[in-house]
Amino acid sequence: MNEPCKFCIEDFSLQCRTRLTEAKIIYKTYGELNQERNNVILYPTSYGANHQDIEWLISPDSILDLSQYFIIIANMFGNGLSSSPSNDQACSLAESGFWFTHLDNVRAQKALLDSLEIKKLALVYGWSMGAQQAYHWGALYPEYVERIAALCGTARTTDHNKIFIQSLRTALTADPAWNGNRFENIPERGFKAFARIYASWAASQAYYREGIYYQFGYESLEDYLVRSWEANYRRRDPHDLLAMIDTWLYCDVGNNPTYQGDYQQALKSITAKTLVMPSTTDLYFTPEDCQAEADLIPDSKYLPIPSIWGHRAGNPYQNPEDEMFIKDAVKQLLNS
């Protein structure tokens, strides 16, 4: 299997009006690029994830088939591998007037693909913040993208969703280790609060009512929260967690020089065959919000995932039923 690669862009301008002397994208490829260079699937990362966390679905037996496609996972800015507060002193947070946007991510990914001499994407596949990037790809480079699979994500962060992610940000920065600009120590209380807020939103009420987590060896609800949710986010630098929240807060497919704030026109400009797949029980990327966007995209199919796993239905690494539902839908999309 290929090792991760680094792509650097010199003097890269960000939408927040800051310039990076060198912007870095860490990416990994899977499968083989065909002679026509048109069997490419771009798979951007989601919140708190790097390529290792989401590559499980790349296999002949899962959702993305590396025997037929050349798949690129691009780590988004702020995730701790690509340019991030944890690995580049030039990258800070919104408190200092610095943030990344999906316009930044997609422009950098386009530069990466240009360097690989790839002129067409068979599919942009994304879950959550990855879906946000997929919509940006379709709107900003419509001639480049043939298909989009957007799972459990919207092209613009809704006001209700903003309240959720602001609660995460507030919980983390309420820790005594936060000095107003940075963490001086590990935010122990902040991580604890952050993980519990996230766990309450990411899975549905029915998921908890049925005690699904007991199937995976957890002895109690508290055991699940500590060993699954807290442990997962404690692996990340807290500054990176904030940086990715800032990107999420600023997500708006119309907020760029191309569309100048016209969100609806941005969605109407997507020409790719677009599969819009929310979860029926997602509490923050709701089915209603996703369907409203699907209605604006000319060649879209709205196909909700019938699941009690909430937002996590879109990344079903422990959930074979939802995995099969997504696999079949993506296969049909790729064959269309």
C-alpha atoms as a PDB file:
ATOM      1  CA  MET A   1       0.000   0.000   0.000  1.00  0.00           C
ATOM      2  CA  ASN A   2       1.234   3.484  -0.820  1.00  0.00           C
ATOM      3  CA  GLU A   3       2.655   5.729   1.874  1.00  0.00           C
ATOM      4  CA  PRO A   4       1.188   9.196   2.545  1.00  0.00           C
ATOM      5  CA  CYS A   5       2.595  11.976   0.373  1.00  0.00           C
ATOM      6  CA  LYS A   6       3.164  15.692   0.955  1.00  0.00           C
ATOM      7  CA  PHE A   7       2.216  18.413  -1.512  1.00  0.00           C
ATOM      8  CA  CYS A   8       3.395  21.965  -0.836  1.00  0.00           C
ATOM      9  CA  ILE A   9       2.115  25.228  -2.257  1.00  0.00           C
ATOM     10  CA  GLU A  10       4.283  28.296  -1.879  1.00  0.00           C
ATOM     11  CA  ASP A  11       2.768  31.669  -0.956  1.00  0.00           C
ATOM     12  CA  PHE A  12      -0.791  30.365  -0.603  1.00  0.00           C
ATOM     13  CA  SER A  13      -3.468  32.985   0.044  1.00  0.00           C
ATOM     14  CA  LEU A  14      -6.327  32.073   2.397  1.00  0.00           C
ATOM     15  CA  GLN A  15      -9.867  33.393   2.348  1.00  0.00           C
ATOM     16  CA  CYS A  16      -9.311  35.005   5.770  1.00  0.00           C
ATOM     17  CA  ARG A  17      -6.830  37.348   3.974  1.00  0.00           C
ATOM     18  CA  THR A  18      -3.751  35.700   5.413  1.00  0.00           C
ATOM     19  CA  ARG A  19      -0.984  34.175   3.325  1.00  0.00           C
ATOM     20  CA  LEU A  20       0.961  31.048   4.183  1.00  0.00           C
ATOM     21  CA  THR A  21       4.568  31.007   3.053  1.00  0.00           C
ATOM     22  CA  GLU A  22       4.022  27.309   2.448  1.00  0.00           C
ATOM     23  CA  ALA A  23       0.721  25.450   2.615  1.00  0.00           C
ATOM     24  CA  LYS A  24       1.014  21.702   3.070  1.00  0.00           C
ATOM     25  CA  ILE A  25      -1.457  19.007   2.013  1.00  0.00           C
ATOM     26  CA  ILE A  26      -0.889  15.446   3.197  1.00  0.00           C
ATOM     27  CA  TYR A  27      -2.641  12.912   0.997  1.00  0.00           C
ATOM     28  CA  LYS A  28      -2.682   9.205   0.297  1.00  0.00           C
ATOM     29  CA  THR A  29      -3.557   7.301  -2.864  1.00  0.00           C
ATOM     30  CA  TYR A  30      -5.125   3.877  -3.319  1.00  0.00           C
ATOM     31  CA  GLY A  31      -5.460   1.763  -6.456  1.00  0.00           C
ATOM     32  CA  GLU A  32      -4.069   2.498  -9.909  1.00  0.00           C
ATOM     33  CA  LEU A  33      -4.563   5.506 -12.167  1.00  0.00           C
ATOM     34  CA  ASN A  34      -5.705   4.345 -15.605  1.00  0.00           C
ATOM     35  CA  GLN A  35      -4.133   5.442 -18.884  1.00  0.00           C
ATOM     36  CA  GLU A  36      -6.896   7.981 -19.550  1.00  0.00           C
ATOM     37  CA  ARG A  37      -6.461   9.369 -16.001  1.00  0.00           C
ATOM     38  CA  ASN A  38     -10.237   9.513 -15.574  1.00  0.00           C
ATOM     39  CA  ASN A  39     -10.893   6.849 -12.926  1.00  0.00           C
ATOM     40  CA  VAL A  40     -10.205   9.209 -10.011  1.00  0.00           C
ATOM     41  CA  ILE A  41     -12.240   9.463  -6.805  1.00  0.00           C
ATOM     42  CA  LEU A  42     -11.418  12.308  -4.440  1.00  0.00           C
ATOM     43  CA  TYR A  43     -12.276  11.566  -0.801  1.00  0.00           C
ATOM     44  CA  PRO A  44     -11.770  14.603   1.515  1.00  0.00           C
ATOM     45  CA  THR A  45     -11.532  14.046   5.265  1.00  0.00           C
ATOM     46  CA  SER A  46     -14.202  14.808   7.861  1.00  0.00           C
ATOM     47  CA  TYR A  47     -14.120  16.529  11.262  1.00  0.00           C
ATOM     48  CA  GLY A  48     -11.432  15.219  13.605  1.00  0.00           C
ATOM     49  CA  ALA A  49     -10.332  12.554  11.114  1.00  0.00           C
ATOM     50  CA  ASN A  50      -7.226  11.868   9.099  1.00  0.00           C
ATOM     51  CA  HIS A  51      -6.825   9.455   6.199  1.00  0.00           C
ATOM     52  CA  GLN A  52      -6.151   6.480   8.472  1.00  0.00           C
ATOM     53  CA  ASP A  53      -9.519   6.911  10.178  1.00  0.00           C
ATOM     54  CA  ILE A  54     -11.606   6.795   7.009  1.00  0.00           C
ATOM     55  CA  GLU A  55      -9.683   4.503   4.656  1.00  0.00           C
ATOM     56  CA  TRP A  56     -11.516   1.429   5.995  1.00  0.00           C
ATOM     57  CA  LEU A  57     -14.192   1.766   3.283  1.00  0.00           C
ATOM     58  CA  ILE A  58     -11.664   1.571   0.429  1.00  0.00           C
ATOM     59  CA  SER A  59     -11.703  -2.079  -0.665  1.00  0.00           C
ATOM     60  CA  PRO A  60     -13.323  -4.257  -3.338  1.00  0.00           C
ATOM     61  CA  ASP A  61     -15.860  -5.420  -0.750  1.00  0.00           C
ATOM     62  CA  SER A  62     -16.800  -2.016   0.666  1.00  0.00           C
ATOM     63  CA  ILE A  63     -18.089   1.347  -0.586  1.00  0.00           C
ATOM     64  CA  LEU A  64     -15.137   2.519  -2.745  1.00  0.00           C
ATOM     65  CA  ASP A  65     -13.573  -0.146  -4.963  1.00  0.00           C
ATOM     66  CA  LEU A  66      -9.837   0.367  -5.370  1.00  0.00           C
ATOM     67  CA  SER A  67      -9.700  -2.434  -7.980  1.00  0.00           C
ATOM     68  CA  GLN A  68     -11.429  -0.087 -10.468  1.00  0.00           C
ATOM     69  CA  TYR A  69     -10.640   3.404  -9.191  1.00  0.00           C
ATOM     70  CA  PHE A  70      -7.702   5.551  -8.209  1.00  0.00           C
ATOM     71  CA  ILE A  71      -8.732   7.042  -4.884  1.00  0.00           C
ATOM     72  CA  ILE A  72      -7.138  10.072  -3.240  1.00  0.00           C
ATOM     73  CA  ILE A  73      -7.786  10.943   0.389  1.00  0.00           C
ATOM     74  CA  ALA A  74      -6.859  14.580   0.938  1.00  0.00           C
ATOM     75  CA  ASN A  75      -6.418  15.630   4.565  1.00  0.00           C
ATOM     76  CA  MET A  76      -8.130  18.975   5.047  1.00  0.00           C
ATOM     77  CA  PHE A  77      -6.363  21.947   6.570  1.00  0.00           C
ATOM     78  CA  GLY A  78      -6.452  21.978  10.358  1.00  0.00           C
ATOM     79  CA  ASN A  79      -6.645  18.201  10.876  1.00  0.00           C
ATOM     80  CA  GLY A  80      -3.130  17.869  12.268  1.00  0.00           C
ATOM     81  CA  LEU A  81      -1.488  16.387   9.155  1.00  0.00           C
ATOM     82  CA  SER A  82      -2.008  19.084   6.535  1.00  0.00           C
ATOM     83  CA  SER A  83      -1.174  22.663   7.580  1.00  0.00           C
ATOM     84  CA  SER A  84      -2.618  23.089  11.084  1.00  0.00           C
ATOM     85  CA  PRO A  85      -2.069  25.039  14.295  1.00  0.00           C
ATOM     86  CA  SER A  86      -0.310  21.995  15.770  1.00  0.00           C
ATOM     87  CA  ASN A  87       2.343  21.762  13.055  1.00  0.00           C
ATOM     88  CA  ASP A  88       2.751  25.300  11.690  1.00  0.00           C
ATOM     89  CA  GLN A  89       3.249  28.420  13.808  1.00  0.00           C
ATOM     90  CA  ALA A  90       1.765  30.520  10.983  1.00  0.00           C
ATOM     91  CA  CYS A  91      -1.605  28.796  11.493  1.00  0.00           C
ATOM     92  CA  SER A  92      -3.600  30.105  14.440  1.00  0.00           C
ATOM     93  CA  LEU A  93      -7.297  30.448  15.316  1.00  0.00           C
ATOM     94  CA  ALA A  94     -10.229  32.788  14.786  1.00  0.00           C
ATOM     95  CA  GLU A  95      -9.268  34.698  17.948  1.00  0.00           C
ATOM     96  CA  SER A  96      -6.251  35.925  15.979  1.00  0.00           C
ATOM     97  CA  GLY A  97      -8.161  36.539  12.761  1.00  0.00           C
ATOM     98  CA  PHE A  98      -6.994  33.280  11.197  1.00  0.00           C
ATOM     99  CA  TRP A  99      -9.143  30.443   9.883  1.00  0.00           C
ATOM    100  CA  PHE A 100      -9.336  27.985   7.031  1.00  0.00           C
ATOM    101  CA  THR A 101     -12.377  27.673   4.767  1.00  0.00           C
ATOM    102  CA  HIS A 102     -13.485  25.002   2.334  1.00  0.00           C
ATOM    103  CA  LEU A 103     -12.596  27.391  -0.475  1.00  0.00           C
ATOM    104  CA  ASP A 104      -9.021  27.110   0.818  1.00  0.00           C
ATOM    105  CA  ASN A 105      -9.270  23.321   1.011  1.00  0.00           C
ATOM    106  CA  VAL A 106     -10.681  22.891  -2.476  1.00  0.00           C
ATOM    107  CA  ARG A 107      -8.269  25.349  -4.102  1.00  0.00           C
ATOM    108  CA  ALA A 108      -5.359  23.470  -2.546  1.00  0.00           C
ATOM    109  CA  GLN A 109      -6.783  20.107  -3.603  1.00  0.00           C
ATOM    110  CA  LYS A 110      -7.220  21.434  -7.159  1.00  0.00           C
ATOM    111  CA  ALA A 111      -3.559  22.442  -7.197  1.00  0.00           C
ATOM    112  CA  LEU A 112      -2.646  18.947  -6.005  1.00  0.00           C
ATOM    113  CA  LEU A 113      -4.677  17.315  -8.795  1.00  0.00           C
ATOM    114  CA  ASP A 114      -3.162  19.662 -11.371  1.00  0.00           C
ATOM    115  CA  SER A 115       0.286  18.540 -10.222  1.00  0.00           C
ATOM    116  CA  LEU A 116      -0.814  14.935 -10.830  1.00  0.00           C
ATOM    117  CA  GLU A 117      -2.135  15.887 -14.297  1.00  0.00           C
ATOM    118  CA  ILE A 118      -5.676  14.854 -13.366  1.00  0.00           C
ATOM    119  CA  LYS A 119      -8.259  16.820 -15.340  1.00  0.00           C
ATOM    120  CA  LYS A 120     -11.483  15.017 -14.383  1.00  0.00           C
ATOM    121  CA  LEU A 121     -12.958  13.495 -11.232  1.00  0.00           C
ATOM    122  CA  ALA A 122     -15.244  10.509 -11.648  1.00  0.00           C
ATOM    123  CA  LEU A 123     -16.540  11.140  -8.122  1.00  0.00           C
ATOM    124  CA  VAL A 124     -16.057  13.363  -5.113  1.00  0.00           C
ATOM    125  CA  TYR A 125     -17.144  11.286  -2.125  1.00  0.00           C
ATOM    126  CA  GLY A 126     -17.505  12.911   1.278  1.00  0.00           C
ATOM    127  CA  TRP A 127     -19.119  12.401   4.664  1.00  0.00           C
ATOM    128  CA  SER A 128     -19.922  15.302   7.010  1.00  0.00           C
ATOM    129  CA  MET A 129     -17.275  18.004   6.460  1.00  0.00           C
ATOM    130  CA  GLY A 130     -16.124  15.883   3.540  1.00  0.00           C
ATOM    131  CA  ALA A 131     -19.584  16.340   2.012  1.00  0.00           C
ATOM    132  CA  GLN A 132     -19.224  20.099   2.504  1.00  0.00           C
ATOM    133  CA  GLN A 133     -16.015  19.979   0.469  1.00  0.00           C
ATOM    134  CA  ALA A 134     -17.705  17.828  -2.200  1.00  0.00           C
ATOM    135  CA  TYR A 135     -20.397  20.477  -2.698  1.00  0.00           C
ATOM    136  CA  HIS A 136     -17.724  23.167  -2.971  1.00  0.00           C
ATOM    137  CA  TRP A 137     -15.952  21.103  -5.628  1.00  0.00           C
ATOM    138  CA  GLY A 138     -19.168  20.765  -7.636  1.00  0.00           C
ATOM    139  CA  ALA A 139     -19.933  24.490  -7.465  1.00  0.00           C
ATOM    140  CA  LEU A 140     -16.428  25.878  -7.960  1.00  0.00           C
ATOM    141  CA  TYR A 141     -15.243  23.430 -10.636  1.00  0.00           C
ATOM    142  CA  PRO A 142     -18.409  22.108 -12.320  1.00  0.00           C
ATOM    143  CA  GLU A 143     -16.585  21.098 -15.501  1.00  0.00           C
ATOM    144  CA  TYR A 144     -14.162  19.009 -13.442  1.00  0.00           C
ATOM    145  CA  VAL A 145     -16.585  16.875 -11.405  1.00  0.00           C
ATOM    146  CA  GLU A 146     -18.738  14.158 -12.955  1.00  0.00           C
ATOM    147  CA  ARG A 147     -20.403  12.856  -9.787  1.00  0.00           C
ATOM    148  CA  ILE A 148     -20.823  13.777  -6.124  1.00  0.00           C
ATOM    149  CA  ALA A 149     -21.800  11.545  -3.215  1.00  0.00           C
ATOM    150  CA  ALA A 150     -22.594  13.816  -0.262  1.00  0.00           C
ATOM    151  CA  LEU A 151     -23.319  11.871   2.916  1.00  0.00           C
ATOM    152  CA  CYS A 152     -24.687  13.566   6.028  1.00  0.00           C
ATOM    153  CA  GLY A 153     -23.523  17.059   5.163  1.00  0.00           C
ATOM    154  CA  THR A 154     -24.794  20.353   3.803  1.00  0.00           C
ATOM    155  CA  ALA A 155     -23.284  22.945   1.486  1.00  0.00           C
ATOM    156  CA  ARG A 156     -23.887  25.677   4.059  1.00  0.00           C
ATOM    157  CA  THR A 157     -23.831  25.388   7.838  1.00  0.00           C
ATOM    158  CA  THR A 158     -27.317  26.124   9.148  1.00  0.00           C
ATOM    159  CA  ASP A 159     -27.946  28.359  12.151  1.00  0.00           C
ATOM    160  CA  HIS A 160     -29.062  25.368  14.227  1.00  0.00           C
ATOM    161  CA  ASN A 161     -25.890  23.488  13.302  1.00  0.00           C
ATOM    162  CA  LYS A 162     -23.823  26.544  14.256  1.00  0.00           C
ATOM    163  CA  ILE A 163     -25.278  26.438  17.764  1.00  0.00           C
ATOM    164  CA  PHE A 164     -24.128  22.831  18.109  1.00  0.00           C
ATOM    165  CA  ILE A 165     -20.555  23.514  17.013  1.00  0.00           C
ATOM    166  CA  GLN A 166     -20.373  26.743  19.000  1.00  0.00           C
ATOM    167  CA  SER A 167     -21.329  24.697  22.068  1.00  0.00           C
ATOM    168  CA  LEU A 168     -18.369  22.406  21.346  1.00  0.00           C
ATOM    169  CA  ARG A 169     -16.040  25.363  20.961  1.00  0.00           C
ATOM    170  CA  THR A 170     -17.342  27.021  24.118  1.00  0.00           C
ATOM    171  CA  ALA A 171     -16.984  23.816  26.144  1.00  0.00           C
ATOM    172  CA  LEU A 172     -13.381  23.316  25.085  1.00  0.00           C
ATOM    173  CA  THR A 173     -12.318  26.936  25.620  1.00  0.00           C
ATOM    174  CA  ALA A 174     -14.089  27.133  29.004  1.00  0.00           C
ATOM    175  CA  ASP A 175     -11.276  25.002  30.392  1.00  0.00           C
ATOM    176  CA  PRO A 176      -8.872  26.834  32.741  1.00  0.00           C
ATOM    177  CA  ALA A 177      -6.001  25.903  30.407  1.00  0.00           C
ATOM    178  CA  TRP A 178      -7.341  28.332  27.767  1.00  0.00           C
ATOM    179  CA  ASN A 179      -5.731  31.794  27.955  1.00  0.00           C
ATOM    180  CA  GLY A 180      -7.951  33.468  25.376  1.00  0.00           C
ATOM    181  CA  ASN A 181      -5.757  32.555  22.413  1.00  0.00           C
ATOM    182  CA  ARG A 182      -4.192  29.178  23.151  1.00  0.00           C
ATOM    183  CA  PHE A 183      -4.214  26.270  25.578  1.00  0.00           C
ATOM    184  CA  GLU A 184      -1.354  26.434  28.052  1.00  0.00           C
ATOM    185  CA  ASN A 185      -1.948  22.846  29.216  1.00  0.00           C
ATOM    186  CA  ILE A 186      -4.127  19.868  28.315  1.00  0.00           C
ATOM    187  CA  PRO A 187      -7.793  20.961  28.684  1.00  0.00           C
ATOM    188  CA  GLU A 188      -8.890  18.034  30.858  1.00  0.00           C
ATOM    189  CA  ARG A 189     -12.324  19.434  31.758  1.00  0.00           C
ATOM    190  CA  GLY A 190     -12.762  20.799  28.264  1.00  0.00           C
ATOM    191  CA  PHE A 191     -12.187  17.420  26.623  1.00  0.00           C
ATOM    192  CA  LYS A 192     -14.669  15.801  29.011  1.00  0.00           C
ATOM    193  CA  ALA A 193     -17.410  18.322  28.215  1.00  0.00           C
ATOM    194  CA  PHE A 194     -16.584  18.372  24.492  1.00  0.00           C
ATOM    195  CA  ALA A 195     -16.890  14.588  24.165  1.00  0.00           C
ATOM    196  CA  ARG A 196     -20.243  14.449  25.946  1.00  0.00           C
ATOM    197  CA  ILE A 197     -21.775  17.185  23.835  1.00  0.00           C
ATOM    198  CA  TYR A 198     -20.554  15.493  20.680  1.00  0.00           C
ATOM    199  CA  ALA A 199     -21.827  12.063  21.739  1.00  0.00           C
ATOM    200  CA  SER A 200     -25.292  13.445  22.458  1.00  0.00           C
ATOM    201  CA  TRP A 201     -25.647  14.882  18.945  1.00  0.00           C
ATOM    202  CA  ALA A 202     -23.783  12.391  16.752  1.00  0.00           C
ATOM    203  CA  ALA A 203     -26.045   9.419  17.486  1.00  0.00           C
ATOM    204  CA  SER A 204     -29.815   9.405  17.744  1.00  0.00           C
ATOM    205  CA  GLN A 205     -32.076   8.987  20.753  1.00  0.00           C
ATOM    206  CA  ALA A 206     -33.068   5.562  19.406  1.00  0.00           C
ATOM    207  CA  TYR A 207     -29.402   4.514  19.247  1.00  0.00           C
ATOM    208  CA  TYR A 208     -29.048   5.162  22.975  1.00  0.00           C
ATOM    209  CA  ARG A 209     -32.464   3.790  23.828  1.00  0.00           C
ATOM    210  CA  GLU A 210     -31.512   0.459  22.250  1.00  0.00           C
ATOM    211  CA  GLY A 211     -28.064   0.486  23.879  1.00  0.00           C
ATOM    212  CA  ILE A 212     -26.232  -0.251  20.617  1.00  0.00           C
ATOM    213  CA  TYR A 213     -22.869   0.550  22.217  1.00  0.00           C
ATOM    214  CA  TYR A 214     -23.095  -2.535  24.452  1.00  0.00           C
ATOM    215  CA  GLN A 215     -22.565  -4.635  21.312  1.00  0.00           C
ATOM    216  CA  PHE A 216     -19.009  -3.332  21.124  1.00  0.00           C
ATOM    217  CA  GLY A 217     -17.901  -4.350  24.607  1.00  0.00           C
ATOM    218  CA  TYR A 218     -18.675  -1.239  26.637  1.00  0.00           C
ATOM    219  CA  GLU A 219     -19.898  -1.970  30.151  1.00  0.00           C
ATOM    220  CA  SER A 220     -21.939   1.186  30.726  1.00  0.00           C
ATOM    221  CA  LEU A 221     -22.866   4.498  29.174  1.00  0.00           C
ATOM    222  CA  GLU A 222     -20.030   6.194  31.053  1.00  0.00           C
ATOM    223  CA  ASP A 223     -17.574   3.544  29.874  1.00  0.00           C
ATOM    224  CA  TYR A 224     -18.690   4.217  26.295  1.00  0.00           C
ATOM    225  CA  LEU A 225     -18.304   7.992  26.668  1.00  0.00           C
ATOM    226  CA  VAL A 226     -14.832   7.713  28.192  1.00  0.00           C
ATOM    227  CA  ARG A 227     -13.285   4.943  26.103  1.00  0.00           C
ATOM    228  CA  SER A 228     -14.898   5.844  22.791  1.00  0.00           C
ATOM    229  CA  TRP A 229     -15.689   9.560  22.622  1.00  0.00           C
ATOM    230  CA  GLU A 230     -13.173  11.066  25.048  1.00  0.00           C
ATOM    231  CA  ALA A 231     -10.372   8.788  23.927  1.00  0.00           C
ATOM    232  CA  ASN A 232     -10.995   9.662  20.284  1.00  0.00           C
ATOM    233  CA  TYR A 233     -10.777  13.416  20.720  1.00  0.00           C
ATOM    234  CA  ARG A 234      -7.922  13.302  23.209  1.00  0.00           C
ATOM    235  CA  ARG A 235      -5.828  11.912  20.345  1.00  0.00           C
ATOM    236  CA  ARG A 236      -6.140  15.311  18.647  1.00  0.00           C
ATOM    237  CA  ASP A 237      -4.455  18.579  19.448  1.00  0.00           C
ATOM    238  CA  PRO A 238      -7.168  20.848  20.915  1.00  0.00           C
ATOM    239  CA  HIS A 239      -6.054  23.747  18.716  1.00  0.00           C
ATOM    240  CA  ASP A 240      -6.692  21.590  15.647  1.00  0.00           C
ATOM    241  CA  LEU A 241     -10.147  20.702  16.950  1.00  0.00           C
ATOM    242  CA  LEU A 242     -10.909  24.420  17.194  1.00  0.00           C
ATOM    243  CA  ALA A 243      -9.452  25.113  13.746  1.00  0.00           C
ATOM    244  CA  MET A 244     -11.740  22.524  12.153  1.00  0.00           C
ATOM    245  CA  ILE A 245     -14.720  23.959  14.033  1.00  0.00           C
ATOM    246  CA  ASP A 246     -13.878  27.371  12.599  1.00  0.00           C
ATOM    247  CA  THR A 247     -13.886  25.891   9.077  1.00  0.00           C
ATOM    248  CA  TRP A 248     -17.254  24.269   9.785  1.00  0.00           C
ATOM    249  CA  LEU A 249     -18.683  27.554  11.083  1.00  0.00           C
ATOM    250  CA  TYR A 250     -17.582  29.402   7.943  1.00  0.00           C
ATOM    251  CA  CYS A 251     -18.958  26.780   5.538  1.00  0.00           C
ATOM    252  CA  ASP A 252     -21.074  28.415   2.811  1.00  0.00           C
ATOM    253  CA  VAL A 253     -20.781  27.258  -0.797  1.00  0.00           C
ATOM    254  CA  GLY A 254     -21.877  30.695  -2.000  1.00  0.00           C
ATOM    255  CA  ASN A 255     -19.364  32.700   0.053  1.00  0.00           C
ATOM    256  CA  ASN A 256     -16.579  33.081  -2.498  1.00  0.00           C
ATOM    257  CA  PRO A 257     -15.602  35.387  -5.381  1.00  0.00           C
ATOM    258  CA  THR A 258     -17.375  33.132  -7.905  1.00  0.00           C
ATOM    259  CA  TYR A 259     -20.857  33.394  -6.350  1.00  0.00           C
ATOM    260  CA  GLN A 260     -20.439  36.486  -4.151  1.00  0.00           C
ATOM    261  CA  GLY A 261     -22.793  35.249  -1.443  1.00  0.00           C
ATOM    262  CA  ASP A 262     -25.441  33.687  -3.719  1.00  0.00           C
ATOM    263  CA  TYR A 263     -25.828  30.310  -2.014  1.00  0.00           C
ATOM    264  CA  GLN A 264     -28.762  29.177  -4.166  1.00  0.00           C
ATOM    265  CA  GLN A 265     -26.986  30.050  -7.412  1.00  0.00           C
ATOM    266  CA  ALA A 266     -23.942  28.088  -6.271  1.00  0.00           C
ATOM    267  CA  LEU A 267     -26.058  24.959  -5.789  1.00  0.00           C
ATOM    268  CA  LYS A 268     -27.902  25.517  -9.073  1.00  0.00           C
ATOM    269  CA  SER A 269     -24.531  25.682 -10.833  1.00  0.00           C
ATOM    270  CA  ILE A 270     -23.562  22.128  -9.852  1.00  0.00           C
ATOM    271  CA  THR A 271     -23.728  20.002 -13.008  1.00  0.00           C
ATOM    272  CA  ALA A 272     -22.439  16.743 -11.505  1.00  0.00           C
ATOM    273  CA  LYS A 273     -24.773  13.836 -10.914  1.00  0.00           C
ATOM    274  CA  THR A 274     -25.262  14.351  -7.194  1.00  0.00           C
ATOM    275  CA  LEU A 275     -26.332  11.783  -4.629  1.00  0.00           C
ATOM    276  CA  VAL A 276     -27.604  13.491  -1.468  1.00  0.00           C
ATOM    277  CA  MET A 277     -27.634  10.975   1.389  1.00  0.00           C
ATOM    278  CA  PRO A 278     -28.552  12.251   4.845  1.00  0.00           C
ATOM    279  CA  SER A 279     -29.346   9.943   7.722  1.00  0.00           C
ATOM    280  CA  THR A 280     -33.017   9.883   8.687  1.00  0.00           C
ATOM    281  CA  THR A 281     -31.981  10.473  12.313  1.00  0.00           C
ATOM    282  CA  ASP A 282     -29.133  12.987  11.890  1.00  0.00           C
ATOM    283  CA  LEU A 283     -29.648  15.702  14.500  1.00  0.00           C
ATOM    284  CA  TYR A 284     -27.532  18.444  12.930  1.00  0.00           C
ATOM    285  CA  PHE A 285     -27.322  17.749   9.188  1.00  0.00           C
ATOM    286  CA  THR A 286     -31.038  17.093   9.133  1.00  0.00           C
ATOM    287  CA  PRO A 287     -32.892  15.316   6.300  1.00  0.00           C
ATOM    288  CA  GLU A 288     -35.018  18.434   5.767  1.00  0.00           C
ATOM    289  CA  ASP A 289     -31.959  20.650   5.304  1.00  0.00           C
ATOM    290  CA  CYS A 290     -30.334  18.151   2.945  1.00  0.00           C
ATOM    291  CA  GLN A 291     -33.481  17.748   0.858  1.00  0.00           C
ATOM    292  CA  ALA A 292     -33.828  21.525   0.508  1.00  0.00           C
ATOM    293  CA  GLU A 293     -30.339  21.598  -1.014  1.00  0.00           C
ATOM    294  CA  ALA A 294     -31.003  18.575  -3.231  1.00  0.00           C
ATOM    295  CA  ASP A 295     -34.012  20.410  -4.647  1.00  0.00           C
ATOM    296  CA  LEU A 296     -31.690  23.204  -5.855  1.00  0.00           C
ATOM    297  CA  ILE A 297     -29.149  20.936  -7.580  1.00  0.00           C
ATOM    298  CA  PRO A 298     -30.269  20.209 -11.165  1.00  0.00           C
ATOM    299  CA  ASP A 299     -29.143  16.575 -11.471  1.00  0.00           C
ATOM    300  CA  SER A 300     -29.557  15.295  -7.920  1.00  0.00           C
ATOM    301  CA  LYS A 301     -31.034  12.254  -6.244  1.00  0.00           C
ATOM    302  CA  TYR A 302     -32.197  12.483  -2.651  1.00  0.00           C
ATOM    303  CA  LEU A 303     -31.745   9.141  -0.876  1.00  0.00           C
ATOM    304  CA  PRO A 304     -31.828   9.202   2.947  1.00  0.00           C
ATOM    305  CA  ILE A 305     -30.164   6.389   4.876  1.00  0.00           C
ATOM    306  CA  PRO A 306     -32.846   4.652   7.011  1.00  0.00           C
ATOM    307  CA  SER A 307     -30.836   4.337  10.214  1.00  0.00           C
ATOM    308  CA  ILE A 308     -30.986   4.917  13.961  1.00  0.00           C
ATOM    309  CA  TRP A 309     -27.238   5.654  14.022  1.00  0.00           C
ATOM    310  CA  GLY A 310     -27.795   9.375  13.509  1.00  0.00           C
ATOM    311  CA  HIS A 311     -24.947  11.298  11.919  1.00  0.00           C
ATOM    312  CA  ARG A 312     -22.670   8.286  12.232  1.00  0.00           C
ATOM    313  CA  ALA A 313     -24.748   6.370   9.691  1.00  0.00           C
ATOM    314  CA  GLY A 314     -22.668   8.109   7.029  1.00  0.00           C
ATOM    315  CA  ASN A 315     -19.439   6.525   8.315  1.00  0.00           C
ATOM    316  CA  PRO A 316     -20.687   3.009   9.143  1.00  0.00           C
ATOM    317  CA  TYR A 317     -17.486   1.207  10.064  1.00  0.00           C
ATOM    318  CA  GLN A 318     -19.325  -0.709  12.827  1.00  0.00           C
ATOM    319  CA  ASN A 319     -22.610  -0.931  10.973  1.00  0.00           C
ATOM    320  CA  PRO A 320     -22.813  -3.429   8.063  1.00  0.00           C
ATOM    321  CA  GLU A 321     -26.454  -2.664   7.239  1.00  0.00           C
ATOM    322  CA  ASP A 322     -25.850   1.035   6.580  1.00  0.00           C
ATOM    323  CA  GLU A 323     -22.566   0.229   4.834  1.00  0.00           C
ATOM    324  CA  MET A 324     -24.400  -2.020   2.357  1.00  0.00           C
ATOM    325  CA  PHE A 325     -27.092   0.618   1.749  1.00  0.00           C
ATOM    326  CA  ILE A 326     -24.428   3.229   0.940  1.00  0.00           C
ATOM    327  CA  LYS A 327     -22.361   0.787  -1.119  1.00  0.00           C
ATOM    328  CA  ASP A 328     -25.314  -0.084  -3.366  1.00  0.00           C
ATOM    329  CA  ALA A 329     -26.244   3.586  -3.854  1.00  0.00           C
ATOM    330  CA  VAL A 330     -22.680   4.639  -4.717  1.00  0.00           C
ATOM    331  CA  LYS A 331     -22.293   1.706  -7.101  1.00  0.00           C
ATOM    332  CA  GLN A 332     -25.416   2.824  -8.965  1.00  0.00           C
ATOM    333  CA  LEU A 333     -24.105   6.374  -9.066  1.00  0.00           C
ATOM    334  CA  LEU A 334     -20.752   5.282 -10.500  1.00  0.00           C
ATOM    335  CA  ASN A 335     -22.467   3.113 -13.088  1.00  0.00           C
ATOM    336  CA  SER A 336     -24.740   5.926 -14.217  1.00  0.00           C
END
